[in-house]
N, C-alpha and C. Protein backbone atom coordinates (compact mmCIF):
# COMPACT_ATOMS: atom_id res chain seq x y z
N UNK A 1 13.75 9.64 15.78
CA UNK A 1 14.05 8.11 16.05
C UNK A 1 14.08 7.36 17.10
N UNK A 2 13.69 6.32 17.14
CA UNK A 2 13.68 5.27 18.42
C UNK A 2 15.42 5.59 18.86
N UNK A 3 15.24 5.16 20.71
CA UNK A 3 16.51 4.90 21.11
C UNK A 3 17.27 4.08 20.59
N UNK A 4 16.84 3.09 20.37
CA UNK A 4 17.28 1.48 20.16
C UNK A 4 16.72 1.03 19.30
N UNK A 5 17.46 0.97 18.13
CA UNK A 5 16.60 0.13 16.83
C UNK A 5 17.27 -1.01 15.99
N UNK A 6 16.86 -1.83 15.33
CA UNK A 6 17.50 -2.72 14.61
C UNK A 6 17.12 -2.26 13.07
N UNK A 7 18.10 -2.40 12.23
CA UNK A 7 18.32 -2.58 10.75
C UNK A 7 18.27 -3.69 10.16
N UNK A 8 17.28 -4.08 9.34
CA UNK A 8 17.37 -5.62 8.85
C UNK A 8 17.65 -5.09 7.39
N UNK A 9 18.28 -5.78 6.41
CA UNK A 9 18.16 -6.22 5.01
C UNK A 9 18.12 -7.52 4.63
N UNK A 10 17.33 -7.74 3.79
CA UNK A 10 16.58 -9.12 3.41
C UNK A 10 17.30 -9.06 2.00
N UNK A 11 18.04 -9.91 1.39
CA UNK A 11 18.34 -9.96 -0.13
C UNK A 11 17.87 -11.31 -0.53
N UNK A 12 17.83 -11.92 -1.56
CA UNK A 12 17.46 -13.44 -2.37
C UNK A 12 18.25 -14.64 -1.47
N UNK A 13 19.50 -14.22 -0.69
CA UNK A 13 20.45 -15.08 -0.29
C UNK A 13 20.70 -15.02 1.17
N UNK A 14 20.45 -13.94 1.93
CA UNK A 14 20.96 -13.98 3.08
C UNK A 14 20.20 -12.74 3.73
N UNK A 15 19.89 -12.51 5.00
CA UNK A 15 19.39 -11.85 6.05
C UNK A 15 20.31 -11.36 7.11
N UNK A 16 20.93 -10.35 6.88
CA UNK A 16 21.48 -9.08 7.74
C UNK A 16 20.89 -8.14 8.37
N UNK A 17 21.11 -8.28 10.15
CA UNK A 17 20.99 -7.44 11.04
C UNK A 17 21.65 -6.66 12.09
N UNK A 18 21.34 -5.67 12.30
CA UNK A 18 22.04 -4.71 13.12
C UNK A 18 21.43 -4.03 14.18
N UNK A 19 21.82 -3.95 15.33
CA UNK A 19 21.25 -3.62 16.39
C UNK A 19 22.26 -2.38 17.08
N UNK A 20 21.31 -1.17 17.10
CA UNK A 20 22.13 -0.14 17.42
C UNK A 20 21.51 -0.01 18.65
N UNK A 21 22.43 1.09 19.57
CA UNK A 21 22.13 1.60 20.51
C UNK A 21 22.32 3.16 20.76
N UNK A 22 21.82 4.08 21.12
CA UNK A 22 22.02 5.49 21.28
C UNK A 22 22.92 6.08 22.24
N UNK A 23 24.01 6.44 21.88
CA UNK A 23 25.12 6.94 23.16
C UNK A 23 25.17 8.49 23.02
N UNK A 24 24.69 9.10 23.87
CA UNK A 24 24.80 10.47 23.49
C UNK A 24 24.47 11.17 22.06
N UNK A 25 25.61 11.21 21.38
CA UNK A 25 25.21 12.00 20.01
C UNK A 25 25.55 10.82 18.74
N UNK A 26 26.03 9.69 19.09
CA UNK A 26 26.22 8.90 18.40
C UNK A 26 25.57 7.31 18.33
N UNK A 27 25.69 6.58 17.46
CA UNK A 27 25.11 4.91 17.88
C UNK A 27 26.17 4.04 18.36
N UNK A 28 26.22 2.91 18.90
CA UNK A 28 27.12 1.97 19.29
C UNK A 28 26.31 1.07 18.58
N UNK A 29 27.17 0.22 17.78
CA UNK A 29 26.95 -1.30 17.38
C UNK A 29 26.75 -2.68 18.76
N UNK A 30 25.61 -3.04 18.74
CA UNK A 30 25.40 -4.04 20.10
C UNK A 30 25.31 -4.86 19.65
N UNK A 31 24.81 -5.54 18.29
CA UNK A 31 24.30 -6.77 18.20
C UNK A 31 24.41 -7.09 16.63
N UNK A 32 25.01 -7.98 16.29
CA UNK A 32 25.07 -8.34 14.50
C UNK A 32 24.75 -9.70 14.30
N UNK A 33 23.77 -9.89 13.16
CA UNK A 33 23.51 -11.26 12.93
C UNK A 33 23.33 -11.48 11.30
N UNK A 34 23.79 -12.31 10.51
CA UNK A 34 23.57 -12.84 9.41
C UNK A 34 22.87 -14.10 9.28
N UNK A 35 22.52 -14.25 8.04
CA UNK A 35 21.62 -15.77 8.05
C UNK A 35 21.46 -16.07 6.54
N UNK A 36 22.31 -17.32 6.14
CA UNK A 36 21.91 -17.50 4.64
C UNK A 36 20.59 -18.27 4.22
N UNK A 37 20.12 -17.86 3.19
CA UNK A 37 18.75 -18.09 3.00
C UNK A 37 19.13 -19.29 1.65
N UNK A 38 18.17 -20.07 1.57
CA UNK A 38 18.04 -21.03 0.60
C UNK A 38 17.58 -20.64 -0.63
N UNK A 39 17.49 -20.70 -1.69
CA UNK A 39 17.21 -19.94 -2.75
C UNK A 39 15.89 -20.04 -2.98
N UNK A 40 14.73 -20.96 -2.38
CA UNK A 40 13.46 -20.87 -2.84
C UNK A 40 12.42 -19.82 -1.94
N UNK A 41 13.29 -19.03 -1.11
CA UNK A 41 12.94 -18.14 -0.19
C UNK A 41 12.53 -17.17 -0.63
N UNK A 42 13.31 -16.09 -1.26
CA UNK A 42 13.25 -15.14 -1.65
C UNK A 42 13.92 -14.95 -3.16
N UNK A 43 13.00 -14.48 -4.04
CA UNK A 43 13.77 -14.63 -5.42
C UNK A 43 13.63 -12.82 -6.24
N UNK A 44 14.75 -12.20 -6.47
CA UNK A 44 14.33 -10.86 -6.92
C UNK A 44 13.78 -10.06 -6.28
N UNK A 45 13.81 -9.95 -4.99
CA UNK A 45 13.27 -9.42 -3.92
C UNK A 45 11.81 -9.40 -3.40
N UNK A 46 11.05 -10.75 -4.20
CA UNK A 46 10.16 -11.09 -3.73
C UNK A 46 9.76 -12.40 -3.00
N UNK A 47 9.13 -12.61 -1.90
CA UNK A 47 8.99 -13.40 -0.99
C UNK A 47 8.45 -14.42 -1.81
N UNK A 48 8.86 -15.48 -1.69
CA UNK A 48 8.26 -16.91 -2.11
C UNK A 48 7.23 -17.84 -1.26
N UNK A 49 8.31 -17.86 0.22
CA UNK A 49 7.70 -18.74 1.10
C UNK A 49 8.03 -17.81 2.28
N UNK A 50 6.99 -17.41 2.56
CA UNK A 50 6.75 -16.35 3.89
C UNK A 50 7.19 -17.09 5.37
N UNK A 51 6.69 -18.65 5.39
CA UNK A 51 6.73 -19.26 6.57
C UNK A 51 8.01 -19.58 6.87
N UNK A 52 8.99 -20.19 6.04
CA UNK A 52 10.57 -20.21 5.61
C UNK A 52 11.22 -19.00 6.13
N UNK A 53 10.65 -17.80 5.59
CA UNK A 53 11.34 -16.56 5.94
C UNK A 53 11.02 -16.14 7.13
N UNK A 54 9.81 -16.28 7.78
CA UNK A 54 10.00 -15.92 9.19
C UNK A 54 10.53 -16.91 10.01
N UNK A 55 10.75 -18.49 10.11
CA UNK A 55 11.75 -19.05 10.58
C UNK A 55 13.09 -18.80 10.52
N UNK A 56 13.50 -18.11 9.28
CA UNK A 56 14.69 -17.59 8.96
C UNK A 56 14.97 -16.08 10.01
N UNK A 57 14.29 -15.64 10.10
CA UNK A 57 14.43 -14.32 10.84
C UNK A 57 14.19 -14.57 12.46
N UNK A 58 13.39 -15.41 12.79
CA UNK A 58 13.45 -16.10 14.28
C UNK A 58 15.07 -16.62 14.61
N UNK A 59 15.67 -17.53 13.72
CA UNK A 59 16.68 -18.09 13.91
C UNK A 59 17.78 -17.19 14.15
N UNK A 60 17.85 -16.00 13.13
CA UNK A 60 18.99 -15.18 13.08
C UNK A 60 18.91 -14.10 13.79
N UNK A 61 17.39 -13.71 14.80
CA UNK A 61 17.63 -13.07 15.89
C UNK A 61 18.18 -13.92 17.07
N UNK A 62 18.01 -15.09 17.30
CA UNK A 62 18.33 -15.76 18.11
C UNK A 62 19.95 -15.80 18.18
N UNK A 63 20.43 -16.02 17.02
CA UNK A 63 22.09 -16.11 16.64
C UNK A 63 22.83 -14.92 17.04
N UNK A 64 22.33 -13.72 16.98
CA UNK A 64 22.95 -12.40 16.96
C UNK A 64 24.34 -12.63 18.05
N UNK A 65 25.01 -11.78 17.83
CA UNK A 65 26.34 -12.19 18.63
C UNK A 65 26.74 -10.28 18.69
N UNK A 66 27.10 -10.01 19.82
CA UNK A 66 27.09 -10.90 20.92
C UNK A 66 26.26 -11.33 22.33
N UNK A 67 25.37 -10.63 21.89
CA UNK A 67 23.62 -10.47 22.39
C UNK A 67 22.53 -10.96 21.59
N UNK A 68 21.98 -11.70 21.98
CA UNK A 68 20.47 -11.67 21.05
C UNK A 68 19.86 -10.86 21.10
N UNK A 69 19.11 -10.40 20.00
CA UNK A 69 18.35 -9.13 19.87
C UNK A 69 17.31 -9.14 20.82
N UNK A 70 16.94 -7.78 21.00
CA UNK A 70 16.08 -7.34 21.99
C UNK A 70 14.57 -7.50 21.23
N UNK A 71 13.56 -7.98 21.19
CA UNK A 71 12.60 -7.92 20.45
C UNK A 71 11.44 -6.38 20.47
N UNK A 72 12.04 -5.62 21.66
CA UNK A 72 11.16 -4.45 22.01
C UNK A 72 11.51 -3.41 21.05
N UNK A 73 12.60 -3.53 20.15
CA UNK A 73 13.07 -2.08 19.67
C UNK A 73 12.33 -2.40 18.47
N UNK A 74 12.34 -0.92 17.70
CA UNK A 74 11.96 -0.39 16.34
C UNK A 74 12.81 -1.04 15.35
N UNK A 75 12.11 -1.46 14.46
CA UNK A 75 12.74 -2.20 13.14
C UNK A 75 12.78 -1.54 12.23
N UNK A 76 13.96 -1.03 11.07
CA UNK A 76 14.27 -0.53 10.25
C UNK A 76 14.34 -1.58 9.11
N UNK A 77 13.45 -1.80 8.43
CA UNK A 77 13.89 -2.46 7.01
C UNK A 77 14.20 -1.78 5.45
N UNK A 78 14.90 -2.51 5.21
CA UNK A 78 15.77 -2.35 3.84
C UNK A 78 14.66 -2.96 2.39
N UNK A 79 14.19 -2.47 2.18
CA UNK A 79 13.38 -3.05 0.58
C UNK A 79 14.44 -3.34 -0.35
N UNK A 80 14.10 -4.52 -1.04
CA UNK A 80 15.02 -4.93 -1.63
C UNK A 80 15.31 -3.57 -3.09
N UNK A 81 16.34 -3.29 -3.34
CA UNK A 81 16.77 -2.35 -4.61
C UNK A 81 15.80 -2.39 -5.91
N UNK A 82 15.83 -3.81 -6.19
CA UNK A 82 15.05 -3.87 -7.41
C UNK A 82 13.92 -3.48 -7.33
N UNK A 83 13.54 -3.32 -6.17
CA UNK A 83 12.03 -3.33 -6.28
C UNK A 83 11.80 -1.94 -5.86
N UNK A 84 12.70 -1.15 -5.68
CA UNK A 84 12.42 0.60 -5.27
C UNK A 84 13.05 1.39 -6.57
N UNK A 85 12.33 2.55 -6.51
CA UNK A 85 12.62 3.79 -7.53
C UNK A 85 13.26 4.93 -6.95
N UNK A 86 14.39 5.64 -6.95
CA UNK A 86 14.66 6.44 -5.98
C UNK A 86 15.47 8.12 -7.26
N UNK A 87 15.24 8.92 -6.99
CA UNK A 87 15.34 9.93 -8.04
C UNK A 87 15.83 11.39 -7.26
N UNK A 88 16.51 12.20 -7.75
CA UNK A 88 16.55 13.59 -6.92
C UNK A 88 16.05 14.38 -8.48
N UNK A 89 14.92 14.98 -8.23
CA UNK A 89 14.21 15.57 -9.23
C UNK A 89 14.77 17.28 -9.06
N UNK A 90 14.68 17.79 -10.33
CA UNK A 90 15.34 19.06 -10.34
C UNK A 90 14.08 19.97 -11.24
N UNK A 91 13.11 20.63 -10.53
CA UNK A 91 12.01 21.28 -10.92
C UNK A 91 12.56 22.64 -10.95
N UNK A 92 11.35 23.19 -11.79
CA UNK A 92 11.70 25.10 -11.87
C UNK A 92 11.34 25.59 -10.45
N UNK A 93 12.10 26.57 -10.11
CA UNK A 93 11.93 27.03 -8.83
C UNK A 93 10.70 27.75 -8.44
N UNK A 94 9.81 28.18 -9.58
CA UNK A 94 8.87 28.82 -9.42
C UNK A 94 7.31 27.96 -9.20
N UNK A 95 7.69 26.80 -9.01
CA UNK A 95 6.40 25.95 -8.81
C UNK A 95 5.74 26.17 -7.23
N UNK A 96 4.43 26.80 -7.50
CA UNK A 96 3.71 27.06 -5.86
C UNK A 96 3.77 25.49 -5.09
N UNK A 97 4.03 25.70 -3.90
CA UNK A 97 3.73 24.77 -2.79
C UNK A 97 2.59 23.69 -2.78
N UNK A 98 1.73 24.73 -3.16
CA UNK A 98 0.25 23.61 -3.26
C UNK A 98 0.21 23.03 -4.48
N UNK A 99 0.88 23.21 -5.39
CA UNK A 99 1.28 22.66 -6.75
C UNK A 99 2.31 21.73 -6.86
N UNK A 100 3.19 21.49 -5.89
CA UNK A 100 4.53 21.00 -5.94
C UNK A 100 4.43 19.26 -6.03
N UNK A 101 3.45 18.60 -5.34
CA UNK A 101 3.35 17.57 -5.24
C UNK A 101 2.63 16.70 -6.37
N UNK A 102 1.81 17.72 -7.03
CA UNK A 102 1.43 16.95 -8.56
C UNK A 102 2.24 17.34 -9.42
N UNK A 103 3.23 17.99 -9.49
CA UNK A 103 3.91 18.29 -10.78
C UNK A 103 5.15 16.84 -10.47
N UNK A 104 5.62 16.67 -9.05
CA UNK A 104 6.71 15.88 -8.60
C UNK A 104 6.03 14.21 -8.90
N UNK A 105 4.75 13.93 -9.04
CA UNK A 105 4.18 12.67 -9.13
C UNK A 105 4.15 12.69 -11.09
N UNK A 106 3.97 13.84 -11.36
CA UNK A 106 3.78 13.91 -12.93
C UNK A 106 4.97 13.58 -13.09
N UNK A 107 6.00 14.43 -12.84
CA UNK A 107 7.45 13.94 -13.49
C UNK A 107 7.77 12.57 -12.98
N UNK A 108 7.40 12.16 -12.25
CA UNK A 108 8.46 10.52 -11.67
C UNK A 108 7.62 9.56 -12.49
N UNK A 109 6.65 10.01 -13.03
CA UNK A 109 5.45 9.13 -13.46
C UNK A 109 6.32 8.87 -15.58
N UNK A 110 6.81 10.29 -15.64
CA UNK A 110 7.74 10.01 -16.97
C UNK A 110 9.10 9.02 -16.90
N UNK A 111 9.52 8.80 -15.76
CA UNK A 111 10.83 8.60 -15.80
C UNK A 111 10.91 6.97 -15.00
N UNK A 112 9.48 6.65 -14.00
CA UNK A 112 9.71 5.50 -13.61
C UNK A 112 8.97 4.20 -14.58
N UNK A 113 9.73 3.20 -14.72
CA UNK A 113 9.08 1.88 -15.44
C UNK A 113 8.05 1.22 -14.67
N UNK A 114 7.23 2.07 -13.98
CA UNK A 114 6.14 1.28 -13.61
C UNK A 114 4.93 2.14 -13.48
N UNK A 115 3.69 1.48 -13.44
CA UNK A 115 2.56 2.45 -13.12
C UNK A 115 2.62 2.61 -11.60
N UNK A 116 2.48 4.21 -11.64
CA UNK A 116 2.19 4.40 -10.37
C UNK A 116 1.02 4.51 -9.44
N UNK A 117 0.43 3.80 -9.91
CA UNK A 117 -0.67 2.91 -9.18
C UNK A 117 -0.34 2.02 -8.28
N UNK A 118 0.50 1.31 -8.72
CA UNK A 118 0.90 -0.02 -8.19
C UNK A 118 2.31 0.52 -7.21
N UNK A 119 2.71 1.64 -7.06
CA UNK A 119 3.79 2.21 -5.87
C UNK A 119 3.50 2.96 -4.83
N UNK A 120 4.16 2.84 -3.86
CA UNK A 120 3.59 3.67 -2.37
C UNK A 120 4.98 4.72 -3.01
N UNK A 121 5.10 6.20 -2.36
CA UNK A 121 6.03 7.32 -2.46
C UNK A 121 6.34 7.84 -1.73
N UNK A 122 7.51 8.30 -1.66
CA UNK A 122 7.61 9.29 -0.53
C UNK A 122 8.37 10.45 -1.16
N UNK A 123 8.18 12.06 -0.83
CA UNK A 123 8.78 13.12 -1.28
C UNK A 123 9.77 13.64 0.18
N UNK A 124 10.74 14.08 -0.16
CA UNK A 124 11.51 14.81 0.68
C UNK A 124 12.01 16.09 -0.25
N UNK A 125 11.28 17.20 0.12
CA UNK A 125 11.99 18.62 -0.34
C UNK A 125 13.95 18.83 0.18
N UNK A 126 14.65 19.16 -1.13
CA UNK A 126 15.86 19.40 -0.75
C UNK A 126 16.02 20.78 -0.67
N UNK A 127 17.20 20.97 -0.11
CA UNK A 127 17.91 22.60 -0.56
C UNK A 127 17.50 23.29 -1.80
N UNK A 128 17.07 24.31 -2.09
CA UNK A 128 16.69 24.84 -3.43
C UNK A 128 18.44 25.49 -4.11
N UNK A 129 18.10 25.11 -5.13
CA UNK A 129 19.67 25.86 -5.67
C UNK A 129 19.03 26.79 -6.19
N UNK A 130 20.21 27.66 -7.07
CA UNK A 130 19.86 28.95 -7.31
C UNK A 130 18.51 29.32 -8.13
N UNK A 131 18.58 28.47 -9.18
CA UNK A 131 17.24 28.56 -10.23
C UNK A 131 16.25 26.91 -9.97
N UNK A 132 16.61 26.03 -9.03
CA UNK A 132 15.73 24.71 -9.34
C UNK A 132 15.20 24.50 -7.55
N UNK A 133 14.17 23.69 -7.72
CA UNK A 133 14.12 23.17 -6.43
C UNK A 133 14.27 21.70 -6.81
N UNK A 134 15.13 21.35 -5.56
CA UNK A 134 15.33 19.50 -5.71
C UNK A 134 14.42 19.28 -5.09
N UNK A 135 14.29 17.74 -5.49
CA UNK A 135 13.05 16.75 -4.86
C UNK A 135 13.88 15.46 -4.63
N UNK A 136 13.72 15.14 -3.43
CA UNK A 136 13.99 13.72 -3.52
C UNK A 136 12.61 12.72 -3.61
N UNK A 137 12.52 11.77 -4.60
CA UNK A 137 11.45 11.30 -4.66
C UNK A 137 11.87 9.47 -4.70
N UNK A 138 11.22 8.91 -3.83
CA UNK A 138 11.72 7.37 -3.60
C UNK A 138 10.37 6.75 -3.53
N UNK A 139 10.44 5.26 -4.17
CA UNK A 139 8.53 4.63 -4.41
C UNK A 139 9.30 3.03 -3.96
N UNK A 140 8.18 2.33 -3.77
CA UNK A 140 8.60 0.79 -3.82
C UNK A 140 7.05 0.03 -4.59
N UNK A 141 7.28 -0.76 -4.95
CA UNK A 141 5.67 -1.28 -5.67
C UNK A 141 4.68 -1.67 -4.06
N UNK A 142 3.82 -1.66 -3.69
CA UNK A 142 3.30 -1.45 -2.58
C UNK A 142 2.79 -2.84 -2.62
N UNK A 143 2.88 -3.74 -2.98
CA UNK A 143 2.71 -5.29 -3.04
C UNK A 143 3.96 -5.84 -2.17
N UNK A 144 5.32 -5.62 -2.75
CA UNK A 144 6.35 -5.79 -1.94
C UNK A 144 6.25 -5.43 -0.43
N UNK A 145 5.99 -4.00 -0.41
CA UNK A 145 5.97 -3.53 0.80
C UNK A 145 4.78 -3.98 1.85
N UNK A 146 3.78 -4.65 1.18
CA UNK A 146 2.98 -4.94 2.19
C UNK A 146 3.22 -6.50 2.46
N UNK A 147 3.90 -6.98 1.47
CA UNK A 147 4.52 -8.58 2.07
C UNK A 147 5.49 -8.63 3.15
N UNK A 148 6.52 -7.40 2.90
CA UNK A 148 7.80 -7.35 4.11
C UNK A 148 7.10 -7.02 5.29
N UNK A 149 6.11 -6.02 5.20
CA UNK A 149 5.83 -5.41 6.38
C UNK A 149 4.42 -6.87 7.17
N UNK A 150 3.87 -7.48 6.49
CA UNK A 150 2.97 -8.49 7.15
C UNK A 150 3.84 -9.65 7.45
N UNK A 151 5.03 -10.27 7.01
CA UNK A 151 6.00 -11.02 7.62
C UNK A 151 6.19 -10.21 9.23
N UNK A 152 6.94 -9.13 9.40
CA UNK A 152 7.16 -8.54 10.55
C UNK A 152 5.75 -8.10 11.77
N UNK A 153 4.91 -8.24 11.28
CA UNK A 153 3.65 -8.08 12.01
C UNK A 153 3.29 -9.50 12.55
N UNK A 154 3.26 -10.11 11.58
CA UNK A 154 2.86 -11.52 12.29
C UNK A 154 4.42 -12.06 13.22
N UNK A 155 5.40 -12.12 13.01
CA UNK A 155 6.34 -11.95 13.94
C UNK A 155 6.08 -11.00 15.38
N UNK A 156 5.47 -10.06 15.15
CA UNK A 156 4.97 -8.84 16.49
C UNK A 156 6.46 -8.36 16.62
């Protein structure tokens, strides 16, 4: 993980950000900012007006307290919850590692109310239980991810 990071959460009505600085074994909050968004910028996790969102992000960065955010930090962005799907899957322990990813995606396809072709997914293997393999599966709509990433790429 980066030594100094900014976490950003964008909802339909606001943007919140927190700059953290690593100190030995913990993190310290260095700055915080919140900016209210007007209704026509983001709706149900979808960016409606990219230009106004970029302007709001820049204003929020400049108004952070007690000091403005440093643009050289790594940014972690929270994707709107309404556009993500996360589950802990419990699978039989006898599934071979080489088959695990296929089984996980097949299982996810059964429970997620979206076409898997429209999703970007990640899988994390959790510690096994006595009889099962536990897998954390998370995905988000690829189009939503691309829209949010492009905003921050344009802002550099």
